[in-house]
Protein backbone atom coordinates (compact mmCIF):
# COMPACT_ATOMS: atom_id res chain seq x y z
CA UNK A 1 -25.22 32.17 1.15
CA UNK A 2 -28.70 33.44 0.33
CA UNK A 3 -29.58 34.34 -3.22
CA UNK A 4 -29.27 38.02 -4.07
CA UNK A 5 -32.13 40.19 -5.28
CA UNK A 6 -33.76 39.82 -8.68
CA UNK A 7 -31.63 40.70 -11.68
CA UNK A 8 -32.13 44.19 -13.16
CA UNK A 9 -31.31 45.53 -16.60
CA UNK A 10 -27.63 46.34 -17.06
CA UNK A 11 -25.95 49.20 -18.86
CA UNK A 12 -24.86 48.87 -22.48
CA UNK A 13 -21.64 47.30 -23.63
CA UNK A 14 -18.57 48.94 -25.14
CA UNK A 15 -16.75 47.33 -28.02
CA UNK A 16 -13.09 46.37 -27.90
CA UNK A 17 -10.38 46.26 -30.57
CA UNK A 18 -9.40 42.88 -31.94
CA UNK A 19 -6.04 41.37 -32.78
CA UNK A 20 -5.07 38.45 -34.98
CA UNK A 21 -3.97 34.79 -34.61
CA UNK A 22 -5.01 32.51 -31.73
CA UNK A 23 -4.33 29.24 -30.01
CA UNK A 24 -7.46 27.61 -31.44
CA UNK A 25 -5.97 26.77 -34.81
CA UNK A 26 -3.83 27.89 -37.74
CA UNK A 27 -6.52 28.21 -40.40
CA UNK A 28 -6.36 31.62 -42.02
CA UNK A 29 -9.17 33.47 -43.73
CA UNK A 30 -9.37 36.86 -45.30
CA UNK A 31 -12.19 39.27 -44.32
CA UNK A 32 -12.18 42.61 -46.09
CA UNK A 33 -8.45 42.19 -46.69
CA UNK A 34 -7.67 41.39 -43.05
CA UNK A 35 -6.72 38.08 -41.52
CA UNK A 36 -9.59 36.60 -39.51
CA UNK A 37 -9.23 35.47 -35.91
CA UNK A 38 -10.12 31.85 -35.14
CA UNK A 39 -11.42 31.32 -31.60
CA UNK A 40 -12.03 28.05 -29.81
CA UNK A 41 -14.89 28.01 -27.31
CA UNK A 42 -14.41 25.00 -25.02
CA UNK A 43 -17.20 23.79 -22.72
CA UNK A 44 -19.12 20.73 -21.53
CA UNK A 45 -22.73 21.59 -22.39
CA UNK A 46 -23.30 19.33 -25.39
CA UNK A 47 -27.04 19.80 -25.02
CA UNK A 48 -26.52 23.55 -25.63
CA UNK A 49 -24.40 23.13 -28.75
CA UNK A 50 -27.25 23.97 -31.13
CA UNK A 51 -28.25 27.22 -29.47
CA UNK A 52 -24.62 28.23 -29.16
CA UNK A 53 -24.29 27.68 -32.93
CA UNK A 54 -27.19 30.10 -33.43
CA UNK A 55 -25.60 32.68 -31.15
CA UNK A 56 -22.18 32.21 -32.71
CA UNK A 57 -23.68 32.86 -36.15
CA UNK A 58 -25.14 36.11 -34.81
CA UNK A 59 -21.80 37.03 -33.23
CA UNK A 60 -19.88 36.31 -36.43
CA UNK A 61 -22.32 38.42 -38.41
CA UNK A 62 -21.64 41.33 -36.05
CA UNK A 63 -17.90 40.54 -36.00
CA UNK A 64 -16.97 39.26 -39.48
CA UNK A 65 -13.28 39.22 -38.54
CA UNK A 66 -13.80 36.58 -35.80
CA UNK A 67 -14.65 32.90 -36.32
CA UNK A 68 -15.77 30.81 -33.31
CA UNK A 69 -15.64 27.04 -33.13
CA UNK A 70 -17.08 24.99 -30.26
CA UNK A 71 -15.02 22.24 -28.64
CA UNK A 72 -17.39 20.25 -26.43
CA UNK A 73 -16.42 17.48 -24.00
CA UNK A 74 -18.64 15.39 -21.69
CA UNK A 75 -19.18 17.01 -18.28
CA UNK A 76 -17.94 13.96 -16.38
CA UNK A 77 -14.64 14.13 -18.29
CA UNK A 78 -14.27 17.90 -18.37
CA UNK A 79 -12.33 18.18 -15.11
CA UNK A 80 -9.39 16.30 -16.62
CA UNK A 81 -9.88 17.27 -20.25
CA UNK A 82 -9.99 21.04 -19.84
CA UNK A 83 -6.61 21.46 -18.19
CA UNK A 84 -4.91 19.12 -20.66
CA UNK A 85 -6.39 20.93 -23.66
CA UNK A 86 -5.45 24.32 -22.28
CA UNK A 87 -1.92 23.13 -21.62
CA UNK A 88 -1.60 21.72 -25.13
CA UNK A 89 -2.99 24.94 -26.61
CA UNK A 90 -5.32 22.97 -28.89
CA UNK A 91 -8.56 24.48 -27.58
CA UNK A 92 -9.98 27.10 -25.28
CA UNK A 93 -9.36 30.74 -26.23
CA UNK A 94 -12.68 31.07 -24.40
CA UNK A 95 -13.44 28.28 -21.97
CA UNK A 96 -15.90 27.35 -19.25
CA UNK A 97 -14.86 26.22 -15.80
CA UNK A 98 -16.60 24.56 -12.90
CA UNK A 99 -16.29 26.36 -9.55
CA UNK A 100 -14.36 24.67 -6.75
CA UNK A 101 -11.56 22.23 -7.43
CA UNK A 102 -11.32 22.85 -11.19
CA UNK A 103 -11.31 26.64 -10.78
CA UNK A 104 -8.54 26.36 -8.19
CA UNK A 105 -6.46 24.02 -10.36
CA UNK A 106 -6.79 26.19 -13.48
CA UNK A 107 -6.00 29.30 -11.46
CA UNK A 108 -2.87 27.70 -10.03
CA UNK A 109 -1.84 26.79 -13.57
CA UNK A 110 -2.29 30.43 -14.61
CA UNK A 111 -4.89 29.95 -17.36
CA UNK A 112 -7.28 32.76 -16.39
CA UNK A 113 -6.94 36.20 -17.97
CA UNK A 114 -7.94 38.96 -15.54
CA UNK A 115 -11.41 40.30 -16.43
CA UNK A 116 -11.69 42.74 -13.53
CA UNK A 117 -11.58 45.94 -15.59
CA UNK A 118 -13.82 44.79 -18.42
CA UNK A 119 -17.03 46.77 -18.98
CA UNK A 120 -19.15 43.63 -19.42
CA UNK A 121 -18.52 42.46 -15.85
CA UNK A 122 -21.22 44.93 -14.79
CA UNK A 123 -23.75 42.92 -16.81
CA UNK A 124 -23.63 40.17 -14.18
CA UNK A 125 -25.17 40.11 -10.72
CA UNK A 126 -22.42 41.06 -8.25
CA UNK A 127 -23.29 38.43 -5.66
CA UNK A 128 -23.44 35.62 -8.20
CA UNK A 129 -19.97 36.15 -9.67
CA UNK A 130 -17.97 36.10 -6.44
CA UNK A 131 -17.22 32.41 -6.96
CA UNK A 132 -15.15 33.40 -10.02
CA UNK A 133 -12.88 35.70 -8.02
CA UNK A 134 -9.43 35.03 -6.57
CA UNK A 135 -6.91 37.34 -4.93
CA UNK A 136 -9.12 40.35 -5.56
CA UNK A 137 -9.45 39.70 -9.31
CA UNK A 138 -12.42 38.61 -11.41
CA UNK A 139 -10.99 35.65 -13.33
CA UNK A 140 -14.19 33.96 -14.52
CA UNK A 141 -17.84 34.92 -14.86
CA UNK A 142 -20.46 32.32 -13.90
CA UNK A 143 -23.10 32.31 -16.64
CA UNK A 144 -25.64 29.85 -15.28
CA UNK A 145 -27.63 29.94 -12.06
CA UNK A 146 -28.31 26.29 -11.38
CA UNK A 147 -30.32 24.59 -8.64
CA UNK A 148 -28.51 21.33 -7.88
CA UNK A 149 -31.44 19.53 -6.30
CA UNK A 150 -33.97 16.99 -7.52
CA UNK A 151 -36.49 17.83 -10.22
CA UNK A 152 -39.91 16.37 -9.53
CA UNK A 153 -43.09 15.59 -11.45
CA UNK A 154 -45.79 17.86 -10.02
CA UNK A 155 -48.63 15.91 -11.63
CA UNK A 156 -47.68 12.73 -9.76
CA UNK A 157 -47.60 14.63 -6.47
CA UNK A 158 -50.98 16.22 -7.14
CA UNK A 159 -52.53 12.92 -8.18
CA UNK A 160 -51.40 11.25 -4.96
CA UNK A 161 -52.12 14.27 -2.75
CA UNK A 162 -48.46 14.69 -1.80
CA UNK A 163 -47.03 17.89 -0.38
CA UNK A 164 -43.38 18.92 -0.62
CA UNK A 165 -41.73 17.36 2.48
CA UNK A 166 -40.52 19.71 5.19
CA UNK A 167 -38.58 17.14 7.23
CA UNK A 168 -36.79 13.81 6.89
CA UNK A 169 -39.81 12.03 8.37
CA UNK A 170 -42.08 13.59 5.76
CA UNK A 171 -39.59 12.81 3.00
CA UNK A 172 -39.59 9.12 3.96
CA UNK A 173 -43.40 9.08 4.17
CA UNK A 174 -43.61 10.66 0.72
CA UNK A 175 -41.32 7.98 -0.70
CA UNK A 176 -43.37 5.19 0.86
CA UNK A 177 -46.54 6.56 -0.72
CA UNK A 178 -44.86 6.67 -4.12
CA UNK A 179 -43.64 3.09 -3.77
CA UNK A 180 -47.09 1.89 -2.70
CA UNK A 181 -48.42 3.29 -5.96
CA UNK A 182 -45.77 1.57 -8.09
CA UNK A 183 -43.65 4.68 -8.65
CA UNK A 184 -39.88 4.87 -8.08
CA UNK A 185 -39.34 7.80 -5.71
CA UNK A 186 -35.92 8.87 -7.04
CA UNK A 187 -34.24 8.17 -10.39
CA UNK A 188 -30.59 8.16 -9.36
CA UNK A 189 -27.85 8.30 -12.07
CA UNK A 190 -25.20 6.59 -9.97
CA UNK A 191 -23.03 5.69 -12.96
CA UNK A 192 -22.06 9.31 -13.62
CA UNK A 193 -23.30 12.48 -11.91
CA UNK A 194 -25.71 11.14 -9.27
CA UNK A 195 -23.35 11.09 -6.27
CA UNK A 196 -21.81 14.51 -6.92
CA UNK A 197 -25.20 16.17 -7.43
CA UNK A 198 -27.49 14.50 -4.89
CA UNK A 199 -24.91 14.85 -2.10
CA UNK A 200 -25.46 18.60 -2.08
CA UNK A 201 -29.07 18.59 -0.96
CA UNK A 202 -28.48 15.55 1.26
CA UNK A 203 -25.76 17.36 3.19
CA UNK A 204 -27.17 20.92 3.06
CA UNK A 205 -28.84 20.78 6.49
CA UNK A 206 -26.56 18.13 7.99
CA UNK A 207 -23.24 19.92 7.57
CA UNK A 208 -22.33 23.06 9.53
CA UNK A 209 -21.53 26.11 7.41
CA UNK A 210 -17.90 25.87 6.35
CA UNK A 211 -17.70 22.13 7.02
CA UNK A 212 -15.76 21.27 3.88
CA UNK A 213 -13.42 24.25 4.28
CA UNK A 214 -12.73 23.00 7.81
CA UNK A 215 -12.17 19.50 6.41
CA UNK A 216 -9.45 20.80 4.10
CA UNK A 217 -7.90 22.73 6.99
CA UNK A 218 -7.79 19.67 9.21
CA UNK A 219 -10.38 21.13 11.57
CA UNK A 220 -13.18 18.70 10.65
CA UNK A 221 -13.32 15.03 9.69
CA UNK A 222 -15.47 12.85 7.48
CA UNK A 223 -15.90 10.64 10.54
CA UNK A 224 -17.76 13.49 12.26
CA UNK A 225 -21.48 13.02 12.85
CA UNK A 226 -22.62 15.29 10.01
CA UNK A 227 -21.00 13.19 7.26
CA UNK A 228 -21.65 9.79 8.81
CA UNK A 229 -25.32 10.78 9.18
CA UNK A 230 -25.44 11.76 5.52
CA UNK A 231 -23.99 8.40 4.50
CA UNK A 232 -26.48 6.61 6.77
CA UNK A 233 -29.32 8.42 5.00
CA UNK A 234 -27.93 7.45 1.61
CA UNK A 235 -27.83 3.88 2.90
CA UNK A 236 -31.46 4.08 4.06
CA UNK A 237 -32.65 5.28 0.67
CA UNK A 238 -30.72 2.54 -1.11
CA UNK A 239 -31.79 -0.30 1.19
CA UNK A 240 -35.44 0.75 1.25
CA UNK A 241 -35.99 0.97 -2.49
CA UNK A 242 -36.09 4.74 -2.93
CA UNK A 243 -33.75 4.41 -5.94
CA UNK A 244 -34.33 2.29 -9.04
CA UNK A 245 -32.64 -1.10 -9.34
CA UNK A 246 -28.94 -0.99 -10.27
CA UNK A 247 -28.72 2.69 -9.33
CA UNK A 248 -24.90 2.63 -9.54
CA UNK A 249 -25.15 1.30 -13.09
CA UNK A 250 -27.66 3.92 -14.30
CA UNK A 251 -26.43 6.92 -16.30
CA UNK A 252 -28.16 10.30 -16.47
CA UNK A 253 -29.91 9.61 -19.80
CA UNK A 254 -31.47 6.42 -18.45
CA UNK A 255 -32.48 8.19 -15.23
CA UNK A 256 -34.12 11.00 -17.20
CA UNK A 257 -36.06 8.44 -19.23
CA UNK A 258 -37.53 7.00 -16.02
CA UNK A 259 -38.85 10.43 -15.02
CA UNK A 260 -40.04 11.37 -18.50
CA UNK A 261 -42.07 8.15 -18.71
CA UNK A 262 -43.63 8.63 -15.28
CA UNK A 263 -41.91 5.56 -13.82
CA UNK A 264 -40.02 7.75 -11.34
CA UNK A 265 -41.22 10.86 -9.52
CA UNK A 266 -37.89 12.66 -9.02
CA UNK A 267 -34.58 13.02 -10.87
CA UNK A 268 -31.60 13.36 -8.53
CA UNK A 269 -29.69 15.93 -10.60
CA UNK A 270 -30.79 19.56 -10.96
CA UNK A 271 -32.61 22.31 -12.79
CA UNK A 272 -30.23 22.06 -15.75
CA UNK A 273 -32.02 18.84 -16.81
CA UNK A 274 -35.51 20.35 -16.91
CA UNK A 275 -35.29 21.34 -20.56
CA UNK A 276 -34.08 17.86 -21.53
CA UNK A 277 -36.93 16.26 -19.59
CA UNK A 278 -39.44 18.46 -21.40
CA UNK A 279 -37.95 17.47 -24.74
CA UNK A 280 -38.57 13.84 -23.78
CA UNK A 281 -42.09 14.59 -22.54
CA UNK A 282 -43.51 18.08 -23.24
CA UNK A 283 -46.52 17.39 -21.01
CA UNK A 284 -44.47 17.21 -17.80
CA UNK A 285 -45.09 19.77 -15.07
CA UNK A 286 -41.82 20.19 -13.19
CA UNK A 287 -40.52 21.86 -10.08
CA UNK A 288 -37.62 21.45 -7.66
CA UNK A 289 -37.50 19.66 -4.35
CA UNK A 290 -34.57 19.08 -2.00
CA UNK A 291 -34.76 16.37 0.68
CA UNK A 292 -34.87 17.93 4.13
CA UNK A 293 -32.70 15.56 6.15
CA UNK A 294 -33.50 17.01 9.59
CA UNK A 295 -36.63 17.78 11.63
CA UNK A 296 -38.55 20.76 10.25
CA UNK A 297 -37.55 23.10 13.08
CA UNK A 298 -33.84 22.36 12.44
CA UNK A 299 -33.90 23.06 8.71
CA UNK A 300 -31.84 26.11 7.72
CA UNK A 301 -31.95 25.70 3.95
CA UNK A 302 -34.64 24.73 1.45
CA UNK A 303 -32.43 24.02 -1.54
CA UNK A 304 -29.09 24.30 -3.32
CA UNK A 305 -27.91 26.87 -5.82
CA UNK A 306 -24.74 27.16 -7.88
CA UNK A 307 -23.30 29.88 -10.07
CA UNK A 308 -21.47 27.79 -12.65
CA UNK A 309 -20.47 27.46 -16.32
CA UNK A 310 -17.88 30.13 -15.55
CA UNK A 311 -16.80 31.92 -18.73
CA UNK A 312 -13.11 32.79 -18.97
CA UNK A 313 -10.51 34.00 -21.44
CA UNK A 314 -7.30 31.99 -21.78
CA UNK A 315 -4.32 33.99 -20.55
CA UNK A 316 -2.12 32.11 -23.03
CA UNK A 317 -4.25 32.96 -26.04
CA UNK A 318 -2.85 35.43 -28.55
CA UNK A 319 -6.43 36.58 -29.12
CA UNK A 320 -7.52 37.65 -25.65
CA UNK A 321 -9.28 40.77 -26.90
CA UNK A 322 -11.38 38.73 -29.35
CA UNK A 323 -12.08 36.19 -26.60
CA UNK A 324 -13.29 38.96 -24.31
CA UNK A 325 -15.44 40.34 -27.11
CA UNK A 326 -17.21 36.97 -27.35
CA UNK A 327 -17.80 36.87 -23.57
CA UNK A 328 -19.11 40.43 -23.78
CA UNK A 329 -21.54 39.34 -26.50
CA UNK A 330 -22.84 36.43 -24.41
CA UNK A 331 -23.42 38.79 -21.49
CA UNK A 332 -25.80 41.08 -23.40
CA UNK A 333 -29.29 40.68 -21.87
CA UNK A 334 -31.01 39.95 -25.17
CA UNK A 335 -28.42 37.30 -26.09
CA UNK A 336 -28.51 35.79 -22.62
CA UNK A 337 -32.33 35.71 -22.77
CA UNK A 338 -32.18 33.68 -25.98
CA UNK A 339 -29.75 31.24 -24.39
CA UNK A 340 -31.81 30.98 -21.19
CA UNK A 341 -35.11 30.27 -22.88
CA UNK A 342 -33.78 27.85 -25.48
CA UNK A 343 -31.79 25.83 -22.94
CA UNK A 344 -34.04 26.10 -19.89
CA UNK A 345 -31.32 27.71 -17.75
CA UNK A 346 -31.58 30.47 -15.19
CA UNK A 347 -28.67 32.88 -15.63
CA UNK A 348 -26.58 35.31 -13.61
CA UNK A 349 -26.88 38.04 -16.27
CA UNK A 350 -29.00 41.02 -15.29
CA UNK A 351 -32.12 41.79 -17.30
CA UNK A 352 -32.77 38.29 -18.63
CA UNK A 353 -36.44 37.74 -19.53
CA UNK A 354 -37.64 34.21 -18.85
CA UNK A 355 -40.33 33.27 -21.33
CA UNK A 356 -40.50 29.50 -20.97
CA UNK A 357 -43.11 28.16 -18.58
CA UNK A 358 -40.62 25.94 -16.78
CA UNK A 359 -38.28 28.86 -16.04
CA UNK A 360 -41.12 31.14 -14.98
CA UNK A 361 -42.51 28.45 -12.68
CA UNK A 362 -39.17 27.95 -10.93
CA UNK A 363 -37.92 31.55 -10.88
CA UNK A 364 -39.22 31.93 -7.32
CA UNK A 365 -36.24 29.87 -6.17
CA UNK A 366 -33.97 32.79 -7.08
CA UNK A 367 -35.09 35.19 -4.37
CA UNK A 368 -37.95 33.62 -2.42
CA UNK A 369 -36.21 30.56 -1.02
CA UNK A 370 -33.30 30.11 1.37
CA UNK A 371 -30.71 28.19 -0.62
CA UNK A 372 -27.17 27.12 0.16
CA UNK A 373 -24.31 27.42 -2.30
CA UNK A 374 -23.38 23.96 -3.55
CA UNK A 375 -21.31 22.36 -0.75
CA UNK A 376 -19.33 20.16 -3.16
CA UNK A 377 -17.78 23.23 -4.73
CA UNK A 378 -16.38 24.18 -1.35
CA UNK A 379 -14.03 21.22 -1.76
CA UNK A 380 -11.19 22.85 -3.66
CA UNK A 381 -8.91 19.80 -3.68
CA UNK A 382 -9.80 17.29 -6.41
CA UNK A 383 -8.42 14.29 -4.49
CA UNK A 384 -10.46 15.17 -1.43
CA UNK A 385 -13.54 15.60 -3.60
CA UNK A 386 -12.96 12.15 -5.09
CA UNK A 387 -12.65 10.66 -1.60
CA UNK A 388 -15.93 12.24 -0.48
CA UNK A 389 -17.79 10.97 -3.54
CA UNK A 390 -16.22 7.53 -3.26
CA UNK A 391 -17.58 7.19 0.25
CA UNK A 392 -21.10 7.67 -1.13
CA UNK A 393 -20.53 5.10 -3.84
CA UNK A 394 -19.12 2.67 -1.27
CA UNK A 395 -22.21 2.95 0.90
CA UNK A 396 -24.51 2.51 -2.09
CA UNK A 397 -22.46 -0.57 -2.93
CA UNK A 398 -23.06 -2.06 0.53
CA UNK A 399 -20.29 -0.70 2.76
CA UNK A 400 -21.05 0.42 6.31
CA UNK A 401 -21.26 4.23 6.59
CA UNK A 402 -18.71 4.42 9.41
CA UNK A 403 -16.20 2.34 7.45
CA UNK A 404 -16.71 4.30 4.24
CA UNK A 405 -16.26 7.57 6.13
CA UNK A 406 -13.08 6.34 7.83
CA UNK A 407 -11.55 5.19 4.54
CA UNK A 408 -12.33 8.52 2.90
CA UNK A 409 -10.92 10.44 5.86
CA UNK A 410 -7.66 8.52 5.57
CA UNK A 411 -7.32 9.75 1.99
CA UNK A 412 -8.09 13.32 3.12
CA UNK A 413 -5.35 13.21 5.73
CA UNK A 414 -2.82 11.81 3.27
CA UNK A 415 -3.63 14.53 0.76
CA UNK A 416 -3.75 17.51 3.14
CA UNK A 417 -0.76 16.70 5.37
């Protein structure tokens, strides 16, 4: 899937009537003689909590009969937490969802209100929001356009005369040069999000299009060459010192610190960490770089993109109209621009103006590079996804790639029979 054309300014928004009482809580307030609506906004972006508070204050000023409270959970726990909270009705009148397995699970549970006929849907790029559709309906609206591929320190590359690698051979040579100069090539947060993020760019040119869909259908296997090769390349990077010591015990904060201090050249996560890196070290010059795991003439893709942080209204909420009003507010170009620039995120909303240097410097990835939609989100079964990620962790822990692949495939077959 190639990125669609640049975003253009959208049409204005229409307001919607609001009704009272929601699933977020029982607190009652009086505004101009009317009972106020209390909304819960549930998501995983703790680093965005402050800017969301600013935007919520603006929203509440424009809508004095609606109160919005954030309920934020760690991203690595959100898969399990979100469904439980929605089932309990304790949070999530408005909620965010990951694409892939979580979207499928929440859809099967019936938590998504249909947004298809809402005016604000037109504020989003059509191609970017397809991942939030099911059975012909728009159930969720991806807010963020993320590049799930390593962030790298441009100054280190320039100092050492390194070019962005165009093949696996060049990628290995680049890493050797970094090591020779006392720099860790890749800061890998193996204790939390490293495997599920770095796998995307590692597999992007190894796996045929549709490989994970075929895996779920029983028409492909993790013992096929494309996955075994990917595990072998993970093994090579681990055994040859491309990751820091104790990579499986390193969390994302510790990995970011290695890059911010200049000890490591790349962070194996994605564009969503650029703002955090700049907070740690404002002098960093950053860009994105995906490992090309094949010879240059066999490379089909240059990077990975994802439309994620999918905004949705809870179908079980008694305040769906108020929830939709909040999503409509977030989709206004001027509001979305504030969010983008204060959080360092590219967005799927049309008409967003990127003012920060980091966003301007990486905006070319939107429409000038051939990127593949995140392969991991093509795995719509959570147990299969766990098996795939476990095979990476096993190899990084010392298992043979063929054995790790075979063990994971056994789980796949048990789950999909």
